[in-house]
Amino acid sequence: MASKPGSIVHVELHSADPAKTKQFYGEVFGWKFEEMPEMNYIMWRAENAPGGGIMQTMEGRPPQVLNYIMSESVDNTLRDIMGAGGIVIQPKMEIPGQGWWALFQEPGGTMMAIYEGNVQARPRPATRKAKAKKAAKKGGKKAGKRRR
């Protein structure tokens, strides 16, 4: 998600049936997909598009599209949003291994998300385990066990 602040960097489809949504966009537009079972999420990629994800709609919410806008600082952008009359719906949260995001509503009612990428973000738990196993195989030792 490397883009300029203010640009759309991720398009998330909240679907009542993510499998059907994946099949539809794959057949019609040739999108490519990557399943992320640990997050119950499907990443999608398309040529000349920012890419995004597909997820199950939340209980009581209709299917929708949620766009993510690049921000240099989620904290500063949330302050600006509130100063301009917007409402913070979801405060800043970490996306392990990627960065941070927050959800807001502008005065006209549209909901959008902001995203701040950061290489210092914690890796996803599955990634940490995989790296430990790989390092253990390379060194010939069991992961997490060191002798002095």
C-alpha atoms as a PDB file:
ATOM      1  CA  MET A   1       0.000   0.000   0.000  1.00  0.00           C
ATOM      2  CA  ALA A   2       2.718   2.544  -0.862  1.00  0.00           C
ATOM      3  CA  SER A   3       0.968   5.668  -2.173  1.00  0.00           C
ATOM      4  CA  LYS A   4       0.712   9.397  -1.586  1.00  0.00           C
ATOM      5  CA  PRO A   5      -1.322  10.687   1.378  1.00  0.00           C
ATOM      6  CA  GLY A   6      -4.922  11.345   0.370  1.00  0.00           C
ATOM      7  CA  SER A   7      -5.060   8.611  -2.272  1.00  0.00           C
ATOM      8  CA  ILE A   8      -7.295   5.537  -2.143  1.00  0.00           C
ATOM      9  CA  VAL A   9      -5.021   2.600  -1.286  1.00  0.00           C
ATOM     10  CA  HIS A  10      -7.384  -0.263  -0.420  1.00  0.00           C
ATOM     11  CA  VAL A  11     -10.975  -1.119  -1.400  1.00  0.00           C
ATOM     12  CA  GLU A  12     -12.758  -3.490   0.959  1.00  0.00           C
ATOM     13  CA  LEU A  13     -15.919  -5.321  -0.086  1.00  0.00           C
ATOM     14  CA  HIS A  14     -18.186  -6.267   2.829  1.00  0.00           C
ATOM     15  CA  SER A  15     -20.246  -9.123   1.396  1.00  0.00           C
ATOM     16  CA  ALA A  16     -23.124 -11.295   2.617  1.00  0.00           C
ATOM     17  CA  ASP A  17     -21.386 -14.176   0.764  1.00  0.00           C
ATOM     18  CA  PRO A  18     -17.619 -13.622   0.319  1.00  0.00           C
ATOM     19  CA  ALA A  19     -17.178 -16.851  -1.705  1.00  0.00           C
ATOM     20  CA  LYS A  20     -19.771 -15.724  -4.277  1.00  0.00           C
ATOM     21  CA  THR A  21     -18.249 -12.233  -4.355  1.00  0.00           C
ATOM     22  CA  LYS A  22     -14.796 -13.725  -5.021  1.00  0.00           C
ATOM     23  CA  GLN A  23     -16.165 -15.965  -7.776  1.00  0.00           C
ATOM     24  CA  PHE A  24     -18.040 -13.064  -9.416  1.00  0.00           C
ATOM     25  CA  TYR A  25     -15.085 -10.644  -9.572  1.00  0.00           C
ATOM     26  CA  GLY A  26     -12.720 -13.418 -10.641  1.00  0.00           C
ATOM     27  CA  GLU A  27     -14.978 -14.481 -13.529  1.00  0.00           C
ATOM     28  CA  VAL A  28     -16.028 -11.015 -14.691  1.00  0.00           C
ATOM     29  CA  PHE A  29     -12.846  -8.973 -14.143  1.00  0.00           C
ATOM     30  CA  GLY A  30     -10.073 -11.560 -13.804  1.00  0.00           C
ATOM     31  CA  TRP A  31      -9.087 -10.479 -10.292  1.00  0.00           C
ATOM     32  CA  LYS A  32      -6.507 -12.622  -8.463  1.00  0.00           C
ATOM     33  CA  PHE A  33      -7.074 -13.665  -4.849  1.00  0.00           C
ATOM     34  CA  GLU A  34      -5.132 -14.690  -1.754  1.00  0.00           C
ATOM     35  CA  GLU A  35      -6.986 -16.370   1.115  1.00  0.00           C
ATOM     36  CA  MET A  36      -6.036 -15.191   4.605  1.00  0.00           C
ATOM     37  CA  PRO A  37      -7.811 -17.741   6.835  1.00  0.00           C
ATOM     38  CA  GLU A  38      -6.212 -16.460  10.054  1.00  0.00           C
ATOM     39  CA  MET A  39      -8.029 -13.158   9.445  1.00  0.00           C
ATOM     40  CA  ASN A  40     -11.160 -14.623   7.764  1.00  0.00           C
ATOM     41  CA  TYR A  41     -10.287 -12.351   4.833  1.00  0.00           C
ATOM     42  CA  ILE A  42      -9.656 -12.605   1.087  1.00  0.00           C
ATOM     43  CA  MET A  43      -7.163 -10.194  -0.492  1.00  0.00           C
ATOM     44  CA  TRP A  44      -7.806  -9.274  -4.142  1.00  0.00           C
ATOM     45  CA  ARG A  45      -5.520  -7.803  -6.785  1.00  0.00           C
ATOM     46  CA  ALA A  46      -6.296  -6.344 -10.173  1.00  0.00           C
ATOM     47  CA  GLU A  47      -4.184  -4.642 -12.820  1.00  0.00           C
ATOM     48  CA  ASN A  48      -4.144  -0.833 -12.548  1.00  0.00           C
ATOM     49  CA  ALA A  49      -6.094  -0.824  -9.261  1.00  0.00           C
ATOM     50  CA  PRO A  50      -5.139  -0.341  -5.621  1.00  0.00           C
ATOM     51  CA  GLY A  51      -6.396  -3.817  -4.647  1.00  0.00           C
ATOM     52  CA  GLY A  52      -8.278  -4.637  -1.501  1.00  0.00           C
ATOM     53  CA  GLY A  53     -10.108  -7.294   0.408  1.00  0.00           C
ATOM     54  CA  ILE A  54     -13.361  -9.187   0.770  1.00  0.00           C
ATOM     55  CA  MET A  55     -14.896  -9.917   4.149  1.00  0.00           C
ATOM     56  CA  GLN A  56     -18.176 -11.102   5.653  1.00  0.00           C
ATOM     57  CA  THR A  57     -20.577  -8.273   6.482  1.00  0.00           C
ATOM     58  CA  MET A  58     -20.843  -7.550  10.171  1.00  0.00           C
ATOM     59  CA  GLU A  59     -24.057  -8.561  11.909  1.00  0.00           C
ATOM     60  CA  GLY A  60     -26.800  -6.007  11.362  1.00  0.00           C
ATOM     61  CA  ARG A  61     -24.846  -4.176   8.630  1.00  0.00           C
ATOM     62  CA  PRO A  62     -25.683  -4.199   4.916  1.00  0.00           C
ATOM     63  CA  PRO A  63     -23.139  -5.181   2.244  1.00  0.00           C
ATOM     64  CA  GLN A  64     -20.999  -2.161   1.383  1.00  0.00           C
ATOM     65  CA  VAL A  65     -17.709  -0.929  -0.039  1.00  0.00           C
ATOM     66  CA  LEU A  66     -15.196   0.671   2.325  1.00  0.00           C
ATOM     67  CA  ASN A  67     -12.369   2.717   0.810  1.00  0.00           C
ATOM     68  CA  TYR A  68      -9.113   3.282   2.694  1.00  0.00           C
ATOM     69  CA  ILE A  69      -7.323   6.621   2.283  1.00  0.00           C
ATOM     70  CA  MET A  70      -3.545   6.853   2.801  1.00  0.00           C
ATOM     71  CA  SER A  71      -2.472   8.997   5.756  1.00  0.00           C
ATOM     72  CA  GLU A  72       0.980   9.959   7.033  1.00  0.00           C
ATOM     73  CA  SER A  73      -0.423   9.887  10.581  1.00  0.00           C
ATOM     74  CA  VAL A  74      -3.731   8.317  11.625  1.00  0.00           C
ATOM     75  CA  ASP A  75      -3.601  10.322  14.875  1.00  0.00           C
ATOM     76  CA  ASN A  76      -3.194  13.673  13.088  1.00  0.00           C
ATOM     77  CA  THR A  77      -5.778  12.822  10.431  1.00  0.00           C
ATOM     78  CA  LEU A  78      -8.357  11.851  13.082  1.00  0.00           C
ATOM     79  CA  ARG A  79      -7.749  15.213  14.769  1.00  0.00           C
ATOM     80  CA  ASP A  80      -8.311  16.983  11.423  1.00  0.00           C
ATOM     81  CA  ILE A  81     -11.458  14.913  10.751  1.00  0.00           C
ATOM     82  CA  MET A  82     -12.994  15.875  14.106  1.00  0.00           C
ATOM     83  CA  GLY A  83     -11.987  19.508  13.584  1.00  0.00           C
ATOM     84  CA  ALA A  84     -13.834  19.531  10.252  1.00  0.00           C
ATOM     85  CA  GLY A  85     -17.034  18.090  11.772  1.00  0.00           C
ATOM     86  CA  GLY A  86     -16.399  14.394  11.121  1.00  0.00           C
ATOM     87  CA  ILE A  87     -17.022  11.582  13.597  1.00  0.00           C
ATOM     88  CA  VAL A  88     -14.568   8.846  14.550  1.00  0.00           C
ATOM     89  CA  ILE A  89     -16.436   5.532  14.246  1.00  0.00           C
ATOM     90  CA  GLN A  90     -13.492   3.202  14.985  1.00  0.00           C
ATOM     91  CA  PRO A  91     -10.438   4.646  16.754  1.00  0.00           C
ATOM     92  CA  LYS A  92      -6.923   3.813  15.581  1.00  0.00           C
ATOM     93  CA  MET A  93      -6.243   0.064  15.515  1.00  0.00           C
ATOM     94  CA  GLU A  94      -3.179  -1.892  14.472  1.00  0.00           C
ATOM     95  CA  ILE A  95      -3.165  -4.206  11.461  1.00  0.00           C
ATOM     96  CA  PRO A  96      -0.387  -6.605  12.532  1.00  0.00           C
ATOM     97  CA  GLY A  97       2.506  -6.567  10.114  1.00  0.00           C
ATOM     98  CA  GLN A  98       1.169  -3.636   8.092  1.00  0.00           C
ATOM     99  CA  GLY A  99       0.289  -0.471   9.983  1.00  0.00           C
ATOM    100  CA  TRP A 100      -2.744   1.229  11.498  1.00  0.00           C
ATOM    101  CA  TRP A 101      -6.252   2.174  10.456  1.00  0.00           C
ATOM    102  CA  ALA A 102      -9.323   4.019  11.728  1.00  0.00           C
ATOM    103  CA  LEU A 103     -12.895   4.459  10.508  1.00  0.00           C
ATOM    104  CA  PHE A 104     -14.657   7.806  10.243  1.00  0.00           C
ATOM    105  CA  GLN A 105     -17.853   9.406   8.981  1.00  0.00           C
ATOM    106  CA  GLU A 106     -17.812  12.793   7.278  1.00  0.00           C
ATOM    107  CA  PRO A 107     -20.601  15.370   7.938  1.00  0.00           C
ATOM    108  CA  GLY A 108     -22.591  14.186   4.881  1.00  0.00           C
ATOM    109  CA  GLY A 109     -22.745  10.617   6.234  1.00  0.00           C
ATOM    110  CA  THR A 110     -20.192   8.775   4.071  1.00  0.00           C
ATOM    111  CA  MET A 111     -17.967   6.334   5.960  1.00  0.00           C
ATOM    112  CA  MET A 112     -14.342   5.861   4.938  1.00  0.00           C
ATOM    113  CA  ALA A 113     -11.203   4.477   6.552  1.00  0.00           C
ATOM    114  CA  ILE A 114      -7.737   5.953   6.863  1.00  0.00           C
ATOM    115  CA  TYR A 115      -4.568   3.879   6.701  1.00  0.00           C
ATOM    116  CA  GLU A 116      -1.025   4.530   7.871  1.00  0.00           C
ATOM    117  CA  GLY A 117       1.550   2.006   6.743  1.00  0.00           C
ATOM    118  CA  ASN A 118       4.535   1.355   8.959  1.00  0.00           C
ATOM    119  CA  VAL A 119       7.450  -1.031   8.682  1.00  0.00           C
ATOM    120  CA  GLN A 120       7.729  -0.972  12.486  1.00  0.00           C
ATOM    121  CA  ALA A 121       4.314  -2.633  12.906  1.00  0.00           C
ATOM    122  CA  ARG A 122       4.336  -6.019  14.622  1.00  0.00           C
ATOM    123  CA  PRO A 123       4.379  -8.971  12.210  1.00  0.00           C
ATOM    124  CA  ARG A 124       1.220 -11.053  11.982  1.00  0.00           C
ATOM    125  CA  PRO A 125       1.298 -13.905  14.516  1.00  0.00           C
ATOM    126  CA  ALA A 126       1.437 -16.560  11.760  1.00  0.00           C
ATOM    127  CA  THR A 127       4.416 -14.755  10.219  1.00  0.00           C
ATOM    128  CA  ARG A 128       6.323 -14.736  13.510  1.00  0.00           C
ATOM    129  CA  LYS A 129       5.872 -18.495  13.919  1.00  0.00           C
ATOM    130  CA  ALA A 130       6.880 -19.210  10.321  1.00  0.00           C
ATOM    131  CA  LYS A 131      10.058 -17.125  10.663  1.00  0.00           C
ATOM    132  CA  ALA A 132      10.983 -18.877  13.913  1.00  0.00           C
ATOM    133  CA  LYS A 133      10.549 -22.302  12.295  1.00  0.00           C
ATOM    134  CA  LYS A 134      12.575 -21.235   9.250  1.00  0.00           C
ATOM    135  CA  ALA A 135      15.371 -19.880  11.444  1.00  0.00           C
ATOM    136  CA  ALA A 136      15.361 -23.081  13.500  1.00  0.00           C
ATOM    137  CA  LYS A 137      15.720 -25.232  10.384  1.00  0.00           C
ATOM    138  CA  LYS A 138      18.565 -23.058   9.128  1.00  0.00           C
ATOM    139  CA  GLY A 139      20.449 -23.200  12.414  1.00  0.00           C
ATOM    140  CA  GLY A 140      19.614 -26.826  13.115  1.00  0.00           C
ATOM    141  CA  LYS A 141      18.134 -25.951  16.516  1.00  0.00           C
ATOM    142  CA  LYS A 142      14.584 -26.041  17.810  1.00  0.00           C
ATOM    143  CA  ALA A 143      12.717 -22.723  17.690  1.00  0.00           C
ATOM    144  CA  GLY A 144      12.729 -20.822  20.959  1.00  0.00           C
ATOM    145  CA  LYS A 145      15.353 -22.988  22.712  1.00  0.00           C
ATOM    146  CA  ARG A 146      18.851 -21.651  23.309  1.00  0.00           C
ATOM    147  CA  ARG A 147      21.626 -23.121  25.381  1.00  0.00           C
ATOM    148  CA  ARG A 148      24.320 -21.091  27.020  1.00  0.00           C
END
